[in-house]
Amino acid sequence: MPLPLVSIVIPFYNEEIFLERAINSALRQTYSAVEIILVNDGSIDNSPAIAKEFERKFTNIKFIDAAHHSLGHARNIGIAKATGKYITFLDSDDELENLAVEKLVQKIEQDESDIVVAKFNSYNASGELMSVDGWNLNGEPIDNFKAACGMYEHTIASTAWAKLYRLATVQKIKFPEGLWFEDRPFLLNYFLNVRKVSFEDIGLWNIHSRPSSITRRIIEVKRIEDTCRIFVLELSIIEGNQYQKRLEVILFRHHIRALMSTLIILCSDKNVVYNLSELEKTFDYWVKDFTNRLKRSKCAIGRRAWLDLFYIRLYQLIGWRLIYIILPYLKYKKYKTIFKIRAT
């Protein structure tokens, strides 16, 4: 009986330094039935030529050229061209362990699950292994509601990569396009459309930290807006779901934490941005939008979340200048954690 085909989608944009490493890691898989789909998201460096050369040499590689749009758009193009029973995603600056696909296919077939969540090895910019992440549970299969909750309770990494999906389900969902942080609504939607989630306990992806990643960039208006637009999109995904009320509480609490993190980054970057006033106005607009949504929802988010929301809105009472001074003291531990993440 032939092995089920697995599609590996690798989108790339100006990645000539790392792209070859990513493609070679997909070619080295011990699992033989793979197709590799390379999607050029409008690169202006030499990476398209590298991808075309791989396509010329290997019959299981497809190269697709597209105009520059977004990572979500590039992944959707790859999904549309995929022909496997299963699909997985690899960022062009990361790499797969040789056994990755083999282990994931064995797991999804053995458990008869709809998705396998793997662990991944996180390396800093110096190439040092910092941690093995991906999930923090007992390793037994769980249902879709528990998995959806796990994304927001830090027990399941909300990344599109380091997971194996059923292509038929992925094709019904797709990624949001033109937004940062597109992984989370995609994964939430996937979880809510399946039955069973299983786990692989080995680090199968090697994730390499880069200073240019979104989490390490100086704050931008787009970061503030997309953080909040993703939250609004998530609310629309759970609308009408049997778990809607329970998930709303989790989503509102999570977004309060996201707003707090955004405000702390704004405090950190205030002296190096050129458009501080615009950033403040954008943040204020979305805080007011969130407050109105929270009032309409009547969610019982708890005292701690209300206290954090009070801290977030404190600039409305005392002004931005004072909030920049006192917030690092009010949220010292979170401030230090964010600094540590941005420095790795």
C-alpha atoms as a PDB file:
ATOM      1  CA  MET A   1       0.000   0.000   0.000  1.00  0.00           C
ATOM      2  CA  PRO A   2       1.534   3.377  -1.016  1.00  0.00           C
ATOM      3  CA  LEU A   3       2.429   5.912   1.657  1.00  0.00           C
ATOM      4  CA  PRO A   4       0.067   8.890   1.971  1.00  0.00           C
ATOM      5  CA  LEU A   5       1.548  11.935   0.271  1.00  0.00           C
ATOM      6  CA  VAL A   6       2.574  14.865   2.474  1.00  0.00           C
ATOM      7  CA  SER A   7       2.779  18.415   1.097  1.00  0.00           C
ATOM      8  CA  ILE A   8       5.445  20.694   2.614  1.00  0.00           C
ATOM      9  CA  VAL A   9       4.713  24.355   1.868  1.00  0.00           C
ATOM     10  CA  ILE A  10       7.701  26.730   2.075  1.00  0.00           C
ATOM     11  CA  PRO A  11       6.822  30.381   1.361  1.00  0.00           C
ATOM     12  CA  PHE A  12       9.760  32.761   1.013  1.00  0.00           C
ATOM     13  CA  TYR A  13      10.509  36.450   0.598  1.00  0.00           C
ATOM     14  CA  ASN A  14      14.103  37.628   0.072  1.00  0.00           C
ATOM     15  CA  GLU A  15      15.593  34.555   1.781  1.00  0.00           C
ATOM     16  CA  GLU A  16      18.575  33.662  -0.403  1.00  0.00           C
ATOM     17  CA  ILE A  17      20.774  33.186   2.705  1.00  0.00           C
ATOM     18  CA  PHE A  18      18.548  30.589   4.395  1.00  0.00           C
ATOM     19  CA  LEU A  19      16.286  29.168   1.678  1.00  0.00           C
ATOM     20  CA  GLU A  20      18.666  26.433   0.536  1.00  0.00           C
ATOM     21  CA  ARG A  21      18.968  25.151   4.112  1.00  0.00           C
ATOM     22  CA  ALA A  22      15.174  24.942   4.459  1.00  0.00           C
ATOM     23  CA  ILE A  23      14.685  23.158   1.128  1.00  0.00           C
ATOM     24  CA  ASN A  24      17.483  20.682   1.793  1.00  0.00           C
ATOM     25  CA  SER A  25      15.948  19.821   5.170  1.00  0.00           C
ATOM     26  CA  ALA A  26      12.685  18.982   3.372  1.00  0.00           C
ATOM     27  CA  LEU A  27      14.561  16.880   0.801  1.00  0.00           C
ATOM     28  CA  ARG A  28      16.392  14.929   3.531  1.00  0.00           C
ATOM     29  CA  GLN A  29      13.180  13.548   5.022  1.00  0.00           C
ATOM     30  CA  THR A  30      13.290   9.819   5.778  1.00  0.00           C
ATOM     31  CA  TYR A  31       9.655   9.748   4.668  1.00  0.00           C
ATOM     32  CA  SER A  32       9.749   9.352   0.895  1.00  0.00           C
ATOM     33  CA  ALA A  33       6.252  10.454  -0.157  1.00  0.00           C
ATOM     34  CA  VAL A  34       6.608  14.228   0.041  1.00  0.00           C
ATOM     35  CA  GLU A  35       5.971  17.074  -2.355  1.00  0.00           C
ATOM     36  CA  ILE A  36       7.690  20.378  -1.658  1.00  0.00           C
ATOM     37  CA  ILE A  37       5.888  23.547  -2.709  1.00  0.00           C
ATOM     38  CA  LEU A  38       8.041  26.686  -2.889  1.00  0.00           C
ATOM     39  CA  VAL A  39       6.039  29.912  -3.029  1.00  0.00           C
ATOM     40  CA  ASN A  40       7.907  33.092  -3.914  1.00  0.00           C
ATOM     41  CA  ASP A  41       6.165  36.039  -2.268  1.00  0.00           C
ATOM     42  CA  GLY A  42       7.644  38.647  -4.634  1.00  0.00           C
ATOM     43  CA  SER A  43      11.324  38.357  -3.687  1.00  0.00           C
ATOM     44  CA  ILE A  44      13.755  40.844  -5.238  1.00  0.00           C
ATOM     45  CA  ASP A  45      16.932  38.971  -4.278  1.00  0.00           C
ATOM     46  CA  ASN A  46      18.386  35.751  -5.705  1.00  0.00           C
ATOM     47  CA  SER A  47      16.054  33.380  -3.833  1.00  0.00           C
ATOM     48  CA  PRO A  48      13.688  32.752  -6.810  1.00  0.00           C
ATOM     49  CA  ALA A  49      16.652  31.565  -8.877  1.00  0.00           C
ATOM     50  CA  ILE A  50      17.639  29.190  -6.044  1.00  0.00           C
ATOM     51  CA  ALA A  51      14.098  27.807  -5.883  1.00  0.00           C
ATOM     52  CA  LYS A  52      13.886  27.357  -9.661  1.00  0.00           C
ATOM     53  CA  GLU A  53      17.158  25.418  -9.666  1.00  0.00           C
ATOM     54  CA  PHE A  54      15.797  23.053  -7.024  1.00  0.00           C
ATOM     55  CA  GLU A  55      12.628  22.575  -9.083  1.00  0.00           C
ATOM     56  CA  ARG A  56      14.752  21.744 -12.135  1.00  0.00           C
ATOM     57  CA  LYS A  57      16.710  19.079 -10.220  1.00  0.00           C
ATOM     58  CA  PHE A  58      13.924  17.411  -8.235  1.00  0.00           C
ATOM     59  CA  THR A  59      10.641  16.110  -9.608  1.00  0.00           C
ATOM     60  CA  ASN A  60       8.853  16.413  -6.246  1.00  0.00           C
ATOM     61  CA  ILE A  61       9.428  20.174  -6.015  1.00  0.00           C
ATOM     62  CA  LYS A  62       6.968  22.740  -7.354  1.00  0.00           C
ATOM     63  CA  PHE A  63       7.931  26.409  -7.698  1.00  0.00           C
ATOM     64  CA  ILE A  64       5.225  29.084  -7.733  1.00  0.00           C
ATOM     65  CA  ASP A  65       5.892  32.759  -8.438  1.00  0.00           C
ATOM     66  CA  ALA A  66       3.583  35.363  -6.898  1.00  0.00           C
ATOM     67  CA  ALA A  67       3.491  39.115  -6.357  1.00  0.00           C
ATOM     68  CA  HIS A  68       4.520  40.311  -2.906  1.00  0.00           C
ATOM     69  CA  HIS A  69       1.505  40.332  -0.609  1.00  0.00           C
ATOM     70  CA  SER A  70       1.757  38.575   2.768  1.00  0.00           C
ATOM     71  CA  LEU A  71       2.772  35.298   4.376  1.00  0.00           C
ATOM     72  CA  GLY A  72      -0.880  34.275   4.694  1.00  0.00           C
ATOM     73  CA  HIS A  73      -1.420  34.874   0.965  1.00  0.00           C
ATOM     74  CA  ALA A  74       1.683  32.850   0.047  1.00  0.00           C
ATOM     75  CA  ARG A  75       0.619  29.952   2.263  1.00  0.00           C
ATOM     76  CA  ASN A  76      -2.850  29.973   0.702  1.00  0.00           C
ATOM     77  CA  ILE A  77      -1.286  29.723  -2.751  1.00  0.00           C
ATOM     78  CA  GLY A  78       0.696  26.709  -1.542  1.00  0.00           C
ATOM     79  CA  ILE A  79      -2.433  25.138  -0.074  1.00  0.00           C
ATOM     80  CA  ALA A  80      -4.274  25.538  -3.382  1.00  0.00           C
ATOM     81  CA  LYS A  81      -1.472  23.724  -5.245  1.00  0.00           C
ATOM     82  CA  ALA A  82      -1.004  20.944  -2.655  1.00  0.00           C
ATOM     83  CA  THR A  83      -2.095  17.411  -3.581  1.00  0.00           C
ATOM     84  CA  GLY A  84      -1.149  15.432  -0.457  1.00  0.00           C
ATOM     85  CA  LYS A  85      -3.380  13.779   2.085  1.00  0.00           C
ATOM     86  CA  TYR A  86      -1.542  15.771   4.755  1.00  0.00           C
ATOM     87  CA  ILE A  87       0.111  19.185   4.748  1.00  0.00           C
ATOM     88  CA  THR A  88       2.664  21.010   6.882  1.00  0.00           C
ATOM     89  CA  PHE A  89       4.373  24.408   6.789  1.00  0.00           C
ATOM     90  CA  LEU A  90       8.024  25.372   7.011  1.00  0.00           C
ATOM     91  CA  ASP A  91       9.273  28.954   7.182  1.00  0.00           C
ATOM     92  CA  SER A  92      12.143  29.614   4.810  1.00  0.00           C
ATOM     93  CA  ASP A  93      14.614  30.564   7.557  1.00  0.00           C
ATOM     94  CA  ASP A  94      13.963  27.406   9.614  1.00  0.00           C
ATOM     95  CA  GLU A  95      14.564  23.690   9.009  1.00  0.00           C
ATOM     96  CA  LEU A  96      13.121  20.252   9.601  1.00  0.00           C
ATOM     97  CA  GLU A  97      14.730  17.372  11.429  1.00  0.00           C
ATOM     98  CA  ASN A  98      15.180  14.387   9.089  1.00  0.00           C
ATOM     99  CA  LEU A  99      12.528  12.289  10.871  1.00  0.00           C
ATOM    100  CA  ALA A 100       9.931  15.077  11.082  1.00  0.00           C
ATOM    101  CA  VAL A 101       7.424  13.968   8.455  1.00  0.00           C
ATOM    102  CA  GLU A 102       7.846  10.260   9.202  1.00  0.00           C
ATOM    103  CA  LYS A 103       7.153  10.771  12.916  1.00  0.00           C
ATOM    104  CA  LEU A 104       4.135  12.986  12.299  1.00  0.00           C
ATOM    105  CA  VAL A 105       2.515  10.661   9.755  1.00  0.00           C
ATOM    106  CA  GLN A 106       3.020   7.693  12.074  1.00  0.00           C
ATOM    107  CA  LYS A 107       1.378   9.645  14.893  1.00  0.00           C
ATOM    108  CA  ILE A 108      -1.627  10.972  12.988  1.00  0.00           C
ATOM    109  CA  GLU A 109      -2.367   7.546  11.497  1.00  0.00           C
ATOM    110  CA  GLN A 110      -1.804   5.677  14.756  1.00  0.00           C
ATOM    111  CA  ASP A 111      -4.041   8.013  16.780  1.00  0.00           C
ATOM    112  CA  GLU A 112      -6.522   8.552  13.932  1.00  0.00           C
ATOM    113  CA  SER A 113      -6.354  12.238  14.812  1.00  0.00           C
ATOM    114  CA  ASP A 114      -6.950  15.328  12.708  1.00  0.00           C
ATOM    115  CA  ILE A 115      -3.747  17.170  13.570  1.00  0.00           C
ATOM    116  CA  VAL A 116      -0.446  16.387  15.273  1.00  0.00           C
ATOM    117  CA  VAL A 117       1.254  19.122  17.305  1.00  0.00           C
ATOM    118  CA  ALA A 118       5.027  18.612  17.434  1.00  0.00           C
ATOM    119  CA  LYS A 119       7.698  20.175  19.603  1.00  0.00           C
ATOM    120  CA  PHE A 120      10.341  22.473  18.141  1.00  0.00           C
ATOM    121  CA  ASN A 121      13.874  23.521  19.021  1.00  0.00           C
ATOM    122  CA  SER A 122      14.343  27.282  19.450  1.00  0.00           C
ATOM    123  CA  TYR A 123      17.807  28.728  18.689  1.00  0.00           C
ATOM    124  CA  ASN A 124      19.006  32.258  19.359  1.00  0.00           C
ATOM    125  CA  ALA A 125      20.807  34.450  16.824  1.00  0.00           C
ATOM    126  CA  SER A 126      24.130  32.890  17.894  1.00  0.00           C
ATOM    127  CA  GLY A 127      22.911  29.389  17.107  1.00  0.00           C
ATOM    128  CA  GLU A 128      22.577  28.280  20.730  1.00  0.00           C
ATOM    129  CA  LEU A 129      19.667  26.017  21.672  1.00  0.00           C
ATOM    130  CA  MET A 130      17.493  28.071  24.026  1.00  0.00           C
ATOM    131  CA  SER A 131      14.468  25.838  24.607  1.00  0.00           C
ATOM    132  CA  VAL A 132      12.274  23.029  23.302  1.00  0.00           C
ATOM    133  CA  ASP A 133       8.717  24.291  22.955  1.00  0.00           C
ATOM    134  CA  GLY A 134       5.490  23.447  21.139  1.00  0.00           C
ATOM    135  CA  TRP A 135       3.176  22.124  23.824  1.00  0.00           C
ATOM    136  CA  ASN A 136       3.049  21.568  27.559  1.00  0.00           C
ATOM    137  CA  LEU A 137       0.473  18.870  28.315  1.00  0.00           C
ATOM    138  CA  ASN A 138       0.555  15.199  29.311  1.00  0.00           C
ATOM    139  CA  GLY A 139       0.863  14.117  25.683  1.00  0.00           C
ATOM    140  CA  GLU A 140      -2.461  12.267  25.447  1.00  0.00           C
ATOM    141  CA  PRO A 141      -4.852  13.193  22.604  1.00  0.00           C
ATOM    142  CA  ILE A 142      -7.384  15.909  23.431  1.00  0.00           C
ATOM    143  CA  ASP A 143     -10.587  17.254  21.894  1.00  0.00           C
ATOM    144  CA  ASN A 144     -10.939  20.406  19.835  1.00  0.00           C
ATOM    145  CA  PHE A 145     -12.217  22.651  22.648  1.00  0.00           C
ATOM    146  CA  LYS A 146      -9.279  21.847  24.925  1.00  0.00           C
ATOM    147  CA  ALA A 147      -6.916  22.461  22.027  1.00  0.00           C
ATOM    148  CA  ALA A 148      -8.504  25.824  21.217  1.00  0.00           C
ATOM    149  CA  CYS A 149      -8.193  26.851  24.869  1.00  0.00           C
ATOM    150  CA  GLY A 150      -4.582  25.652  24.945  1.00  0.00           C
ATOM    151  CA  MET A 151      -3.580  28.208  22.310  1.00  0.00           C
ATOM    152  CA  TYR A 152      -4.483  31.042  24.667  1.00  0.00           C
ATOM    153  CA  GLU A 153      -3.382  29.395  27.904  1.00  0.00           C
ATOM    154  CA  HIS A 154       0.204  28.772  26.707  1.00  0.00           C
ATOM    155  CA  THR A 155      -0.051  24.971  26.584  1.00  0.00           C
ATOM    156  CA  ILE A 156      -0.063  24.769  22.755  1.00  0.00           C
ATOM    157  CA  ALA A 157       2.080  27.031  20.581  1.00  0.00           C
ATOM    158  CA  SER A 158      -0.102  29.104  18.273  1.00  0.00           C
ATOM    159  CA  THR A 159       2.161  28.635  15.248  1.00  0.00           C
ATOM    160  CA  ALA A 160       1.166  27.177  11.887  1.00  0.00           C
ATOM    161  CA  TRP A 161       4.456  25.299  11.647  1.00  0.00           C
ATOM    162  CA  ALA A 162       5.478  22.291  13.776  1.00  0.00           C
ATOM    163  CA  LYS A 163       2.131  20.647  13.030  1.00  0.00           C
ATOM    164  CA  LEU A 164       0.746  18.143  10.545  1.00  0.00           C
ATOM    165  CA  TYR A 165      -2.762  18.801   9.187  1.00  0.00           C
ATOM    166  CA  ARG A 166      -5.272  17.042   7.001  1.00  0.00           C
ATOM    167  CA  LEU A 167      -5.243  18.928   3.692  1.00  0.00           C
ATOM    168  CA  ALA A 168      -8.984  18.515   3.080  1.00  0.00           C
ATOM    169  CA  THR A 169      -9.736  20.481   6.260  1.00  0.00           C
ATOM    170  CA  VAL A 170      -7.061  23.127   5.651  1.00  0.00           C
ATOM    171  CA  GLN A 171      -8.510  23.843   2.205  1.00  0.00           C
ATOM    172  CA  LYS A 172     -11.822  24.812   3.819  1.00  0.00           C
ATOM    173  CA  ILE A 173     -10.183  27.343   6.148  1.00  0.00           C
ATOM    174  CA  LYS A 174      -7.203  29.205   4.627  1.00  0.00           C
ATOM    175  CA  PHE A 175      -5.068  31.884   6.280  1.00  0.00           C
ATOM    176  CA  PRO A 176      -6.135  35.514   6.724  1.00  0.00           C
ATOM    177  CA  GLU A 177      -4.220  37.636   4.232  1.00  0.00           C
ATOM    178  CA  GLY A 178      -2.446  40.946   4.711  1.00  0.00           C
ATOM    179  CA  LEU A 179      -2.254  40.611   8.505  1.00  0.00           C
ATOM    180  CA  TRP A 180       0.566  39.815  10.888  1.00  0.00           C
ATOM    181  CA  PHE A 181      -0.065  37.086  13.488  1.00  0.00           C
ATOM    182  CA  GLU A 182      -2.132  35.172  10.912  1.00  0.00           C
ATOM    183  CA  ASP A 183      -1.259  31.790  12.440  1.00  0.00           C
ATOM    184  CA  ARG A 184      -3.570  32.122  15.428  1.00  0.00           C
ATOM    185  CA  PRO A 185      -6.972  32.573  13.720  1.00  0.00           C
ATOM    186  CA  PHE A 186      -6.028  29.884  11.213  1.00  0.00           C
ATOM    187  CA  LEU A 187      -5.199  27.433  13.995  1.00  0.00           C
ATOM    188  CA  LEU A 188      -8.276  28.374  16.043  1.00  0.00           C
ATOM    189  CA  ASN A 189     -10.463  27.792  12.997  1.00  0.00           C
ATOM    190  CA  TYR A 190      -8.788  24.463  12.305  1.00  0.00           C
ATOM    191  CA  PHE A 191      -9.199  23.221  15.874  1.00  0.00           C
ATOM    192  CA  LEU A 192     -12.880  24.127  15.907  1.00  0.00           C
ATOM    193  CA  ASN A 193     -13.430  22.188  12.680  1.00  0.00           C
ATOM    194  CA  VAL A 194     -11.868  18.903  13.799  1.00  0.00           C
ATOM    195  CA  ARG A 195     -12.409  16.244  16.414  1.00  0.00           C
ATOM    196  CA  LYS A 196      -9.117  14.962  17.798  1.00  0.00           C
ATOM    197  CA  VAL A 197      -5.683  16.529  18.428  1.00  0.00           C
ATOM    198  CA  SER A 198      -2.581  14.457  19.172  1.00  0.00           C
ATOM    199  CA  PHE A 199       1.002  15.279  20.145  1.00  0.00           C
ATOM    200  CA  GLU A 200       4.562  14.318  19.230  1.00  0.00           C
ATOM    201  CA  ASP A 201       7.130  14.681  22.023  1.00  0.00           C
ATOM    202  CA  ILE A 202      10.264  15.167  19.879  1.00  0.00           C
ATOM    203  CA  GLY A 203      11.612  18.512  18.660  1.00  0.00           C
ATOM    204  CA  LEU A 204      11.118  18.161  14.897  1.00  0.00           C
ATOM    205  CA  TRP A 205      11.475  21.781  13.716  1.00  0.00           C
ATOM    206  CA  ASN A 206      14.571  23.935  14.243  1.00  0.00           C
ATOM    207  CA  ILE A 207      13.432  27.534  14.657  1.00  0.00           C
ATOM    208  CA  HIS A 208      16.090  30.213  14.266  1.00  0.00           C
ATOM    209  CA  SER A 209      15.666  33.606  15.930  1.00  0.00           C
ATOM    210  CA  ARG A 210      16.280  36.666  13.777  1.00  0.00           C
ATOM    211  CA  PRO A 211      16.460  40.370  14.717  1.00  0.00           C
ATOM    212  CA  SER A 212      14.082  41.201  11.837  1.00  0.00           C
ATOM    213  CA  SER A 213      11.240  39.029  13.171  1.00  0.00           C
ATOM    214  CA  ILE A 214       7.992  40.785  14.060  1.00  0.00           C
ATOM    215  CA  THR A 215       8.422  40.152  17.795  1.00  0.00           C
ATOM    216  CA  ARG A 216      11.800  41.911  17.787  1.00  0.00           C
ATOM    217  CA  ARG A 217      11.095  44.917  15.561  1.00  0.00           C
ATOM    218  CA  ILE A 218      10.596  48.444  16.816  1.00  0.00           C
ATOM    219  CA  ILE A 219       6.865  48.967  17.309  1.00  0.00           C
ATOM    220  CA  GLU A 220       4.817  50.008  14.266  1.00  0.00           C
ATOM    221  CA  VAL A 221       1.250  51.123  13.674  1.00  0.00           C
ATOM    222  CA  LYS A 222       0.675  47.879  11.763  1.00  0.00           C
ATOM    223  CA  ARG A 223       1.656  45.814  14.805  1.00  0.00           C
ATOM    224  CA  ILE A 224      -0.930  47.582  16.965  1.00  0.00           C
ATOM    225  CA  GLU A 225      -3.656  47.416  14.322  1.00  0.00           C
ATOM    226  CA  ASP A 226      -3.058  43.801  13.311  1.00  0.00           C
ATOM    227  CA  THR A 227      -2.905  42.621  16.934  1.00  0.00           C
ATOM    228  CA  CYS A 228      -6.397  44.015  17.388  1.00  0.00           C
ATOM    229  CA  ARG A 229      -7.781  43.009  13.995  1.00  0.00           C
ATOM    230  CA  ILE A 230      -6.703  39.432  14.648  1.00  0.00           C
ATOM    231  CA  PHE A 231      -8.655  39.532  17.920  1.00  0.00           C
ATOM    232  CA  VAL A 232     -11.770  40.794  16.091  1.00  0.00           C
ATOM    233  CA  LEU A 233     -11.322  38.026  13.521  1.00  0.00           C
ATOM    234  CA  GLU A 234     -11.059  35.426  16.287  1.00  0.00           C
ATOM    235  CA  LEU A 235     -14.322  36.657  17.782  1.00  0.00           C
ATOM    236  CA  SER A 236     -15.992  36.193  14.394  1.00  0.00           C
ATOM    237  CA  ILE A 237     -14.597  32.645  14.110  1.00  0.00           C
ATOM    238  CA  ILE A 238     -16.172  31.508  17.378  1.00  0.00           C
ATOM    239  CA  GLU A 239     -19.515  33.212  16.681  1.00  0.00           C
ATOM    240  CA  GLY A 240     -22.266  30.608  16.713  1.00  0.00           C
ATOM    241  CA  ASN A 241     -19.938  27.887  17.947  1.00  0.00           C
ATOM    242  CA  GLN A 242     -21.212  25.647  20.743  1.00  0.00           C
ATOM    243  CA  TYR A 243     -18.300  26.858  22.887  1.00  0.00           C
ATOM    244  CA  GLN A 244     -18.756  30.562  22.024  1.00  0.00           C
ATOM    245  CA  LYS A 245     -19.439  31.921  25.520  1.00  0.00           C
ATOM    246  CA  ARG A 246     -16.623  29.959  27.126  1.00  0.00           C
ATOM    247  CA  LEU A 247     -14.165  30.896  24.386  1.00  0.00           C
ATOM    248  CA  GLU A 248     -15.150  34.571  24.515  1.00  0.00           C
ATOM    249  CA  VAL A 249     -13.891  34.822  28.091  1.00  0.00           C
ATOM    250  CA  ILE A 250     -10.579  33.241  27.093  1.00  0.00           C
ATOM    251  CA  LEU A 251     -10.221  35.504  24.035  1.00  0.00           C
ATOM    252  CA  PHE A 252     -10.963  38.697  25.970  1.00  0.00           C
ATOM    253  CA  ARG A 253      -8.495  37.779  28.712  1.00  0.00           C
ATOM    254  CA  HIS A 254      -5.853  36.897  26.137  1.00  0.00           C
ATOM    255  CA  HIS A 255      -6.324  40.180  24.289  1.00  0.00           C
ATOM    256  CA  ILE A 256      -5.936  42.151  27.495  1.00  0.00           C
ATOM    257  CA  ARG A 257      -2.538  40.483  27.897  1.00  0.00           C
ATOM    258  CA  ALA A 258      -1.737  41.318  24.263  1.00  0.00           C
ATOM    259  CA  LEU A 259      -2.693  44.968  24.790  1.00  0.00           C
ATOM    260  CA  MET A 260      -0.532  45.094  27.907  1.00  0.00           C
ATOM    261  CA  SER A 261       2.437  43.655  25.997  1.00  0.00           C
ATOM    262  CA  THR A 262       1.880  46.182  23.198  1.00  0.00           C
ATOM    263  CA  LEU A 263       1.771  49.061  25.673  1.00  0.00           C
ATOM    264  CA  ILE A 264       4.977  47.886  27.352  1.00  0.00           C
ATOM    265  CA  ILE A 265       6.729  47.695  23.960  1.00  0.00           C
ATOM    266  CA  LEU A 266       5.466  51.202  23.209  1.00  0.00           C
ATOM    267  CA  CYS A 267       6.975  52.371  26.513  1.00  0.00           C
ATOM    268  CA  SER A 268      10.242  50.669  25.584  1.00  0.00           C
ATOM    269  CA  ASP A 269      10.431  52.105  22.055  1.00  0.00           C
ATOM    270  CA  LYS A 270       9.039  55.589  22.655  1.00  0.00           C
ATOM    271  CA  ASN A 271      12.428  57.292  22.242  1.00  0.00           C
ATOM    272  CA  VAL A 272      13.370  55.559  18.974  1.00  0.00           C
ATOM    273  CA  VAL A 273      10.169  55.928  16.930  1.00  0.00           C
ATOM    274  CA  TYR A 274       9.482  58.898  14.670  1.00  0.00           C
ATOM    275  CA  ASN A 275       5.670  58.751  14.905  1.00  0.00           C
ATOM    276  CA  LEU A 276       4.969  58.412  18.621  1.00  0.00           C
ATOM    277  CA  SER A 277       1.819  60.535  18.463  1.00  0.00           C
ATOM    278  CA  GLU A 278       0.359  58.356  15.688  1.00  0.00           C
ATOM    279  CA  LEU A 279       1.192  55.194  17.633  1.00  0.00           C
ATOM    280  CA  GLU A 280      -0.518  56.591  20.751  1.00  0.00           C
ATOM    281  CA  LYS A 281      -3.649  57.544  18.800  1.00  0.00           C
ATOM    282  CA  THR A 282      -3.815  54.112  17.148  1.00  0.00           C
ATOM    283  CA  PHE A 283      -3.440  52.346  20.474  1.00  0.00           C
ATOM    284  CA  ASP A 284      -6.103  54.564  22.062  1.00  0.00           C
ATOM    285  CA  TYR A 285      -8.542  53.853  19.210  1.00  0.00           C
ATOM    286  CA  TRP A 286      -8.210  50.097  19.634  1.00  0.00           C
ATOM    287  CA  VAL A 287      -8.364  50.206  23.436  1.00  0.00           C
ATOM    288  CA  LYS A 288     -11.680  52.050  23.172  1.00  0.00           C
ATOM    289  CA  ASP A 289     -12.890  49.558  20.563  1.00  0.00           C
ATOM    290  CA  PHE A 290     -11.950  46.670  22.857  1.00  0.00           C
ATOM    291  CA  THR A 291     -13.645  48.292  25.879  1.00  0.00           C
ATOM    292  CA  ASN A 292     -16.880  48.702  23.935  1.00  0.00           C
ATOM    293  CA  ARG A 293     -16.803  45.098  22.742  1.00  0.00           C
ATOM    294  CA  LEU A 294     -16.171  43.893  26.275  1.00  0.00           C
ATOM    295  CA  LYS A 295     -19.138  45.880  27.613  1.00  0.00           C
ATOM    296  CA  ARG A 296     -21.441  44.485  24.930  1.00  0.00           C
ATOM    297  CA  SER A 297     -20.298  40.925  25.528  1.00  0.00           C
ATOM    298  CA  LYS A 298     -20.850  41.079  29.323  1.00  0.00           C
ATOM    299  CA  CYS A 299     -18.033  38.556  29.767  1.00  0.00           C
ATOM    300  CA  ALA A 300     -16.988  37.710  33.318  1.00  0.00           C
ATOM    301  CA  ILE A 301     -13.244  38.137  32.754  1.00  0.00           C
ATOM    302  CA  GLY A 302     -12.273  38.195  36.445  1.00  0.00           C
ATOM    303  CA  ARG A 303     -10.635  40.715  38.764  1.00  0.00           C
ATOM    304  CA  ARG A 304      -7.081  40.266  37.554  1.00  0.00           C
ATOM    305  CA  ALA A 305      -8.035  40.948  33.936  1.00  0.00           C
ATOM    306  CA  TRP A 306     -10.060  44.001  34.989  1.00  0.00           C
ATOM    307  CA  LEU A 307      -7.057  45.298  36.942  1.00  0.00           C
ATOM    308  CA  ASP A 308      -4.796  44.882  33.919  1.00  0.00           C
ATOM    309  CA  LEU A 309      -7.351  46.673  31.754  1.00  0.00           C
ATOM    310  CA  PHE A 310      -7.355  49.495  34.308  1.00  0.00           C
ATOM    311  CA  TYR A 311      -3.562  49.746  33.999  1.00  0.00           C
ATOM    312  CA  ILE A 312      -3.836  49.718  30.197  1.00  0.00           C
ATOM    313  CA  ARG A 313      -6.361  52.580  30.247  1.00  0.00           C
ATOM    314  CA  LEU A 314      -4.502  54.575  32.889  1.00  0.00           C
ATOM    315  CA  TYR A 315      -2.959  56.835  30.237  1.00  0.00           C
ATOM    316  CA  GLN A 316      -6.481  58.171  29.638  1.00  0.00           C
ATOM    317  CA  LEU A 317      -6.485  59.505  33.207  1.00  0.00           C
ATOM    318  CA  ILE A 318      -2.882  60.584  33.815  1.00  0.00           C
ATOM    319  CA  GLY A 319      -1.531  61.107  30.301  1.00  0.00           C
ATOM    320  CA  TRP A 320       1.067  59.326  28.221  1.00  0.00           C
ATOM    321  CA  ARG A 321       4.109  60.956  29.811  1.00  0.00           C
ATOM    322  CA  LEU A 322       3.326  59.570  33.249  1.00  0.00           C
ATOM    323  CA  ILE A 323       2.316  56.128  31.984  1.00  0.00           C
ATOM    324  CA  TYR A 324       5.718  55.768  30.334  1.00  0.00           C
ATOM    325  CA  ILE A 325       7.299  56.377  33.738  1.00  0.00           C
ATOM    326  CA  ILE A 326       5.132  54.253  36.005  1.00  0.00           C
ATOM    327  CA  LEU A 327       4.077  51.280  33.837  1.00  0.00           C
ATOM    328  CA  PRO A 328       7.507  49.576  33.959  1.00  0.00           C
ATOM    329  CA  TYR A 329       7.178  49.615  37.768  1.00  0.00           C
ATOM    330  CA  LEU A 330       3.554  48.475  37.815  1.00  0.00           C
ATOM    331  CA  LYS A 331       4.294  45.571  35.443  1.00  0.00           C
ATOM    332  CA  TYR A 332       7.984  45.041  36.171  1.00  0.00           C
ATOM    333  CA  LYS A 333       7.974  41.262  35.727  1.00  0.00           C
ATOM    334  CA  LYS A 334       6.177  41.381  32.354  1.00  0.00           C
ATOM    335  CA  TYR A 335       8.408  44.279  31.275  1.00  0.00           C
ATOM    336  CA  LYS A 336      11.537  42.190  31.948  1.00  0.00           C
ATOM    337  CA  THR A 337      10.074  39.125  30.205  1.00  0.00           C
ATOM    338  CA  ILE A 338       9.329  41.084  27.025  1.00  0.00           C
ATOM    339  CA  PHE A 339      12.816  42.599  27.074  1.00  0.00           C
ATOM    340  CA  LYS A 340      14.319  39.118  27.378  1.00  0.00           C
ATOM    341  CA  ILE A 341      12.282  37.770  24.439  1.00  0.00           C
ATOM    342  CA  ARG A 342      13.222  40.708  22.214  1.00  0.00           C
ATOM    343  CA  ALA A 343      16.915  40.335  23.072  1.00  0.00           C
ATOM    344  CA  THR A 344      17.264  36.639  22.153  1.00  0.00           C
END
